[in-house]
């Protein structure tokens, strides 16, 4: 079953050792944008933004692929 990308981002952020503010800074996105993604308010998120989040979280290629395909 394909996981909702918003739920996946929420899970990844909550499991990260970084705060949302730190992830926002490292990814080049805003804290508000990340929060909106977690809450399902952002729809049709661009792949580049998901990739930025994955890189900021230090995900391996397998998990970045899961994020991009969610």
C-alpha atoms as a PDB file:
ATOM      1  CA  UNK A   1       0.000   0.000   0.000  1.00  0.00           C
ATOM      2  CA  UNK A   2       1.334   3.400  -1.006  1.00  0.00           C
ATOM      3  CA  UNK A   3       1.908   5.736   1.948  1.00  0.00           C
ATOM      4  CA  UNK A   4       0.571   9.256   1.894  1.00  0.00           C
ATOM      5  CA  UNK A   5       3.546  11.611   1.329  1.00  0.00           C
ATOM      6  CA  UNK A   6       2.315  13.991   4.026  1.00  0.00           C
ATOM      7  CA  UNK A   7       2.194  11.189   6.583  1.00  0.00           C
ATOM      8  CA  UNK A   8       5.613   9.987   5.489  1.00  0.00           C
ATOM      9  CA  UNK A   9       7.102  13.478   5.883  1.00  0.00           C
ATOM     10  CA  UNK A  10       5.490  13.785   9.309  1.00  0.00           C
ATOM     11  CA  UNK A  11       6.944  10.432  10.371  1.00  0.00           C
ATOM     12  CA  UNK A  12      10.400  11.232   9.020  1.00  0.00           C
ATOM     13  CA  UNK A  13      10.478  14.626  10.748  1.00  0.00           C
ATOM     14  CA  UNK A  14       9.243  13.218  14.051  1.00  0.00           C
ATOM     15  CA  UNK A  15      11.877  10.451  13.952  1.00  0.00           C
ATOM     16  CA  UNK A  16      14.662  12.849  12.996  1.00  0.00           C
ATOM     17  CA  UNK A  17      17.178  14.060  15.559  1.00  0.00           C
ATOM     18  CA  UNK A  18      16.699  17.536  14.060  1.00  0.00           C
ATOM     19  CA  UNK A  19      13.991  20.051  14.907  1.00  0.00           C
ATOM     20  CA  UNK A  20      11.602  21.192  12.204  1.00  0.00           C
ATOM     21  CA  UNK A  21      13.402  24.559  12.234  1.00  0.00           C
ATOM     22  CA  UNK A  22      16.741  22.863  11.565  1.00  0.00           C
ATOM     23  CA  UNK A  23      15.257  20.728   8.783  1.00  0.00           C
ATOM     24  CA  UNK A  24      13.695  23.813   7.227  1.00  0.00           C
ATOM     25  CA  UNK A  25      17.027  25.623   7.307  1.00  0.00           C
ATOM     26  CA  UNK A  26      18.930  22.666   5.824  1.00  0.00           C
ATOM     27  CA  UNK A  27      16.320  22.012   3.119  1.00  0.00           C
ATOM     28  CA  UNK A  28      15.812  25.635   2.100  1.00  0.00           C
ATOM     29  CA  UNK A  29      12.102  25.403   2.907  1.00  0.00           C
ATOM     30  CA  UNK A  30      10.181  27.273   5.566  1.00  0.00           C
ATOM     31  CA  UNK A  31       9.083  25.880   8.898  1.00  0.00           C
ATOM     32  CA  UNK A  32       5.516  26.805   7.933  1.00  0.00           C
ATOM     33  CA  UNK A  33       5.755  24.874   4.668  1.00  0.00           C
ATOM     34  CA  UNK A  34       7.016  21.762   6.476  1.00  0.00           C
ATOM     35  CA  UNK A  35       4.245  22.055   9.069  1.00  0.00           C
ATOM     36  CA  UNK A  36       1.656  22.437   6.315  1.00  0.00           C
ATOM     37  CA  UNK A  37       3.023  19.297   4.648  1.00  0.00           C
ATOM     38  CA  UNK A  38       2.796  17.370   7.910  1.00  0.00           C
ATOM     39  CA  UNK A  39      -0.811  18.511   8.358  1.00  0.00           C
ATOM     40  CA  UNK A  40      -1.787  17.607   4.800  1.00  0.00           C
ATOM     41  CA  UNK A  41      -2.351  21.223   3.745  1.00  0.00           C
ATOM     42  CA  UNK A  42       0.249  21.035   0.968  1.00  0.00           C
ATOM     43  CA  UNK A  43      -0.932  19.008  -1.996  1.00  0.00           C
ATOM     44  CA  UNK A  44       1.060  18.069  -5.104  1.00  0.00           C
ATOM     45  CA  UNK A  45       4.411  18.835  -3.523  1.00  0.00           C
ATOM     46  CA  UNK A  46       7.180  19.212  -6.085  1.00  0.00           C
ATOM     47  CA  UNK A  47       9.719  16.406  -6.250  1.00  0.00           C
ATOM     48  CA  UNK A  48      12.541  18.912  -5.757  1.00  0.00           C
ATOM     49  CA  UNK A  49      11.095  19.901  -2.384  1.00  0.00           C
ATOM     50  CA  UNK A  50      10.719  16.272  -1.311  1.00  0.00           C
ATOM     51  CA  UNK A  51      14.292  15.635  -2.401  1.00  0.00           C
ATOM     52  CA  UNK A  52      15.457  18.658  -0.385  1.00  0.00           C
ATOM     53  CA  UNK A  53      13.709  17.281   2.695  1.00  0.00           C
ATOM     54  CA  UNK A  54      15.221  13.835   2.148  1.00  0.00           C
ATOM     55  CA  UNK A  55      18.723  15.242   1.811  1.00  0.00           C
ATOM     56  CA  UNK A  56      18.260  17.494   4.869  1.00  0.00           C
ATOM     57  CA  UNK A  57      17.160  14.460   6.881  1.00  0.00           C
ATOM     58  CA  UNK A  58      20.186  12.499   5.691  1.00  0.00           C
ATOM     59  CA  UNK A  59      18.054   9.760   4.161  1.00  0.00           C
ATOM     60  CA  UNK A  60      19.698   6.995   2.186  1.00  0.00           C
ATOM     61  CA  UNK A  61      18.771   6.466  -1.461  1.00  0.00           C
ATOM     62  CA  UNK A  62      16.200   3.777  -0.648  1.00  0.00           C
ATOM     63  CA  UNK A  63      14.284   6.066   1.694  1.00  0.00           C
ATOM     64  CA  UNK A  64      14.561   9.054  -0.636  1.00  0.00           C
ATOM     65  CA  UNK A  65      13.087   6.835  -3.350  1.00  0.00           C
ATOM     66  CA  UNK A  66      10.207   5.893  -1.013  1.00  0.00           C
ATOM     67  CA  UNK A  67       9.593   9.567  -0.290  1.00  0.00           C
ATOM     68  CA  UNK A  68       9.583  10.488  -3.979  1.00  0.00           C
ATOM     69  CA  UNK A  69       7.248   7.624  -4.848  1.00  0.00           C
ATOM     70  CA  UNK A  70       4.799   8.152  -1.986  1.00  0.00           C
END
